[in-house]
């Protein structure tokens, strides 16, 4: 289940802003964000290599929104380590939402 309060609350966390993109290589997503100064920040999020899923057309865009948000949180954590404990719950909520969407909308193979 998507927790609307957490997603809506991301703006209040002061995360890195700018244009974001998600690129996949196997079970690893690379999230890049180009900030307002033109500097590109990247991080990766790796899932386990266990169960594979087949998702309907268009589902990747929905899933990428969760991964992009998690990547923005992770980049912010890396650049502002003092905020780590503050940001962990928001990161975990995005990963939980991603996993819930896969389980609800995709078929295990």
C-alpha atoms as a PDB file:
ATOM      1  CA  UNK A   1       0.000   0.000   0.000  1.00  0.00           C
ATOM      2  CA  UNK A   2       1.312   3.431  -0.919  1.00  0.00           C
ATOM      3  CA  UNK A   3       1.527   5.746   2.038  1.00  0.00           C
ATOM      4  CA  UNK A   4       0.340   9.066   0.662  1.00  0.00           C
ATOM      5  CA  UNK A   5       1.602  11.009   3.658  1.00  0.00           C
ATOM      6  CA  UNK A   6       5.169   9.874   3.108  1.00  0.00           C
ATOM      7  CA  UNK A   7       5.185  10.622  -0.617  1.00  0.00           C
ATOM      8  CA  UNK A   8       3.576  14.020  -0.067  1.00  0.00           C
ATOM      9  CA  UNK A   9       6.020  14.704   2.738  1.00  0.00           C
ATOM     10  CA  UNK A  10       9.118  14.244   0.566  1.00  0.00           C
ATOM     11  CA  UNK A  11       9.054  17.897  -0.501  1.00  0.00           C
ATOM     12  CA  UNK A  12       9.348  18.919   3.141  1.00  0.00           C
ATOM     13  CA  UNK A  13      12.530  16.855   3.563  1.00  0.00           C
ATOM     14  CA  UNK A  14      14.687  19.264   1.561  1.00  0.00           C
ATOM     15  CA  UNK A  15      15.957  16.626  -0.862  1.00  0.00           C
ATOM     16  CA  UNK A  16      18.228  17.341  -3.789  1.00  0.00           C
ATOM     17  CA  UNK A  17      16.212  18.994  -6.538  1.00  0.00           C
ATOM     18  CA  UNK A  18      16.537  19.079 -10.282  1.00  0.00           C
ATOM     19  CA  UNK A  19      15.860  16.808 -13.220  1.00  0.00           C
ATOM     20  CA  UNK A  20      16.050  13.140 -12.288  1.00  0.00           C
ATOM     21  CA  UNK A  21      16.403   9.952 -14.294  1.00  0.00           C
ATOM     22  CA  UNK A  22      16.517   6.228 -13.575  1.00  0.00           C
ATOM     23  CA  UNK A  23      18.544   3.779 -15.690  1.00  0.00           C
ATOM     24  CA  UNK A  24      18.417   0.028 -15.120  1.00  0.00           C
ATOM     25  CA  UNK A  25      21.132  -2.585 -15.573  1.00  0.00           C
ATOM     26  CA  UNK A  26      19.782  -5.913 -14.420  1.00  0.00           C
ATOM     27  CA  UNK A  27      18.579  -5.515 -10.850  1.00  0.00           C
ATOM     28  CA  UNK A  28      20.543  -2.294 -10.261  1.00  0.00           C
ATOM     29  CA  UNK A  29      19.011   1.131 -10.794  1.00  0.00           C
ATOM     30  CA  UNK A  30      21.269   4.139 -11.254  1.00  0.00           C
ATOM     31  CA  UNK A  31      19.547   7.354 -10.235  1.00  0.00           C
ATOM     32  CA  UNK A  32      20.965  10.615 -11.544  1.00  0.00           C
ATOM     33  CA  UNK A  33      19.832  14.107 -10.626  1.00  0.00           C
ATOM     34  CA  UNK A  34      21.066  17.242 -12.375  1.00  0.00           C
ATOM     35  CA  UNK A  35      20.827  20.096  -9.877  1.00  0.00           C
ATOM     36  CA  UNK A  36      20.098  23.747 -10.606  1.00  0.00           C
ATOM     37  CA  UNK A  37      23.834  24.415 -11.046  1.00  0.00           C
ATOM     38  CA  UNK A  38      24.131  21.766 -13.763  1.00  0.00           C
ATOM     39  CA  UNK A  39      25.997  19.306 -11.530  1.00  0.00           C
ATOM     40  CA  UNK A  40      24.913  15.687 -11.922  1.00  0.00           C
ATOM     41  CA  UNK A  41      24.699  13.574  -8.757  1.00  0.00           C
ATOM     42  CA  UNK A  42      24.327   9.796  -9.014  1.00  0.00           C
ATOM     43  CA  UNK A  43      23.720   6.835  -6.774  1.00  0.00           C
ATOM     44  CA  UNK A  44      22.724   3.233  -7.276  1.00  0.00           C
ATOM     45  CA  UNK A  45      20.073   1.076  -5.687  1.00  0.00           C
ATOM     46  CA  UNK A  46      20.494  -2.668  -6.013  1.00  0.00           C
ATOM     47  CA  UNK A  47      17.721  -5.159  -5.442  1.00  0.00           C
ATOM     48  CA  UNK A  48      18.164  -8.807  -4.698  1.00  0.00           C
ATOM     49  CA  UNK A  49      18.544 -11.225  -7.579  1.00  0.00           C
ATOM     50  CA  UNK A  50      15.725 -13.462  -6.353  1.00  0.00           C
ATOM     51  CA  UNK A  51      12.202 -13.550  -7.722  1.00  0.00           C
ATOM     52  CA  UNK A  52      11.676 -12.137 -11.214  1.00  0.00           C
ATOM     53  CA  UNK A  53       8.434 -10.368 -12.193  1.00  0.00           C
ATOM     54  CA  UNK A  54       6.598  -9.587 -15.393  1.00  0.00           C
ATOM     55  CA  UNK A  55       4.838  -6.229 -15.222  1.00  0.00           C
ATOM     56  CA  UNK A  56       2.168  -4.710 -17.485  1.00  0.00           C
ATOM     57  CA  UNK A  57       3.011  -2.010 -19.999  1.00  0.00           C
ATOM     58  CA  UNK A  58       3.569   1.338 -18.314  1.00  0.00           C
ATOM     59  CA  UNK A  59       4.316  -0.159 -14.906  1.00  0.00           C
ATOM     60  CA  UNK A  60       8.032   0.700 -15.137  1.00  0.00           C
ATOM     61  CA  UNK A  61       7.200   4.425 -15.131  1.00  0.00           C
ATOM     62  CA  UNK A  62       5.187   4.008 -11.931  1.00  0.00           C
ATOM     63  CA  UNK A  63       7.943   1.958 -10.307  1.00  0.00           C
ATOM     64  CA  UNK A  64      10.652   4.393 -11.393  1.00  0.00           C
ATOM     65  CA  UNK A  65       8.941   7.179  -9.439  1.00  0.00           C
ATOM     66  CA  UNK A  66       9.563   5.259  -6.212  1.00  0.00           C
ATOM     67  CA  UNK A  67      13.164   4.480  -7.190  1.00  0.00           C
ATOM     68  CA  UNK A  68      13.863   8.078  -8.225  1.00  0.00           C
ATOM     69  CA  UNK A  69      12.530   9.332  -4.877  1.00  0.00           C
ATOM     70  CA  UNK A  70      14.634   6.752  -3.012  1.00  0.00           C
ATOM     71  CA  UNK A  71      17.661   7.848  -5.059  1.00  0.00           C
ATOM     72  CA  UNK A  72      17.097  11.513  -4.199  1.00  0.00           C
ATOM     73  CA  UNK A  73      16.928  10.537  -0.523  1.00  0.00           C
ATOM     74  CA  UNK A  74      20.107   8.464  -0.799  1.00  0.00           C
ATOM     75  CA  UNK A  75      22.004  11.259  -2.579  1.00  0.00           C
ATOM     76  CA  UNK A  76      20.894  13.716   0.100  1.00  0.00           C
ATOM     77  CA  UNK A  77      22.039  11.270   2.802  1.00  0.00           C
ATOM     78  CA  UNK A  78      25.435  10.928   1.127  1.00  0.00           C
ATOM     79  CA  UNK A  79      25.904  14.686   0.858  1.00  0.00           C
ATOM     80  CA  UNK A  80      24.488  15.481   4.307  1.00  0.00           C
ATOM     81  CA  UNK A  81      25.494  12.542   6.550  1.00  0.00           C
ATOM     82  CA  UNK A  82      24.189  14.285   9.693  1.00  0.00           C
ATOM     83  CA  UNK A  83      20.649  13.826   8.293  1.00  0.00           C
ATOM     84  CA  UNK A  84      20.991  10.055   7.860  1.00  0.00           C
ATOM     85  CA  UNK A  85      18.676   9.043  10.730  1.00  0.00           C
ATOM     86  CA  UNK A  86      16.089  11.607   9.658  1.00  0.00           C
ATOM     87  CA  UNK A  87      15.969  10.304   6.095  1.00  0.00           C
ATOM     88  CA  UNK A  88      16.087   6.525   6.654  1.00  0.00           C
ATOM     89  CA  UNK A  89      12.313   6.174   7.282  1.00  0.00           C
ATOM     90  CA  UNK A  90      11.491   8.063   4.071  1.00  0.00           C
ATOM     91  CA  UNK A  91      13.943   5.912   2.070  1.00  0.00           C
ATOM     92  CA  UNK A  92      12.483   2.707   3.517  1.00  0.00           C
ATOM     93  CA  UNK A  93       8.944   3.909   2.735  1.00  0.00           C
ATOM     94  CA  UNK A  94       9.844   4.407  -0.939  1.00  0.00           C
ATOM     95  CA  UNK A  95      11.377   0.926  -1.181  1.00  0.00           C
ATOM     96  CA  UNK A  96       8.332  -0.547   0.597  1.00  0.00           C
ATOM     97  CA  UNK A  97       6.013   1.253  -1.852  1.00  0.00           C
ATOM     98  CA  UNK A  98       8.055  -0.046  -4.804  1.00  0.00           C
ATOM     99  CA  UNK A  99       7.858  -3.616  -3.492  1.00  0.00           C
ATOM    100  CA  UNK A 100       4.119  -3.312  -2.767  1.00  0.00           C
ATOM    101  CA  UNK A 101       3.454  -2.057  -6.296  1.00  0.00           C
ATOM    102  CA  UNK A 102       5.376  -4.983  -7.798  1.00  0.00           C
ATOM    103  CA  UNK A 103       3.463  -7.484  -5.678  1.00  0.00           C
ATOM    104  CA  UNK A 104       0.100  -5.857  -6.497  1.00  0.00           C
ATOM    105  CA  UNK A 105       0.541  -5.142 -10.199  1.00  0.00           C
ATOM    106  CA  UNK A 106       3.088  -7.640 -11.535  1.00  0.00           C
ATOM    107  CA  UNK A 107       3.195 -11.415 -11.950  1.00  0.00           C
ATOM    108  CA  UNK A 108       5.933 -13.569 -10.437  1.00  0.00           C
ATOM    109  CA  UNK A 109       7.684 -15.757 -13.005  1.00  0.00           C
END
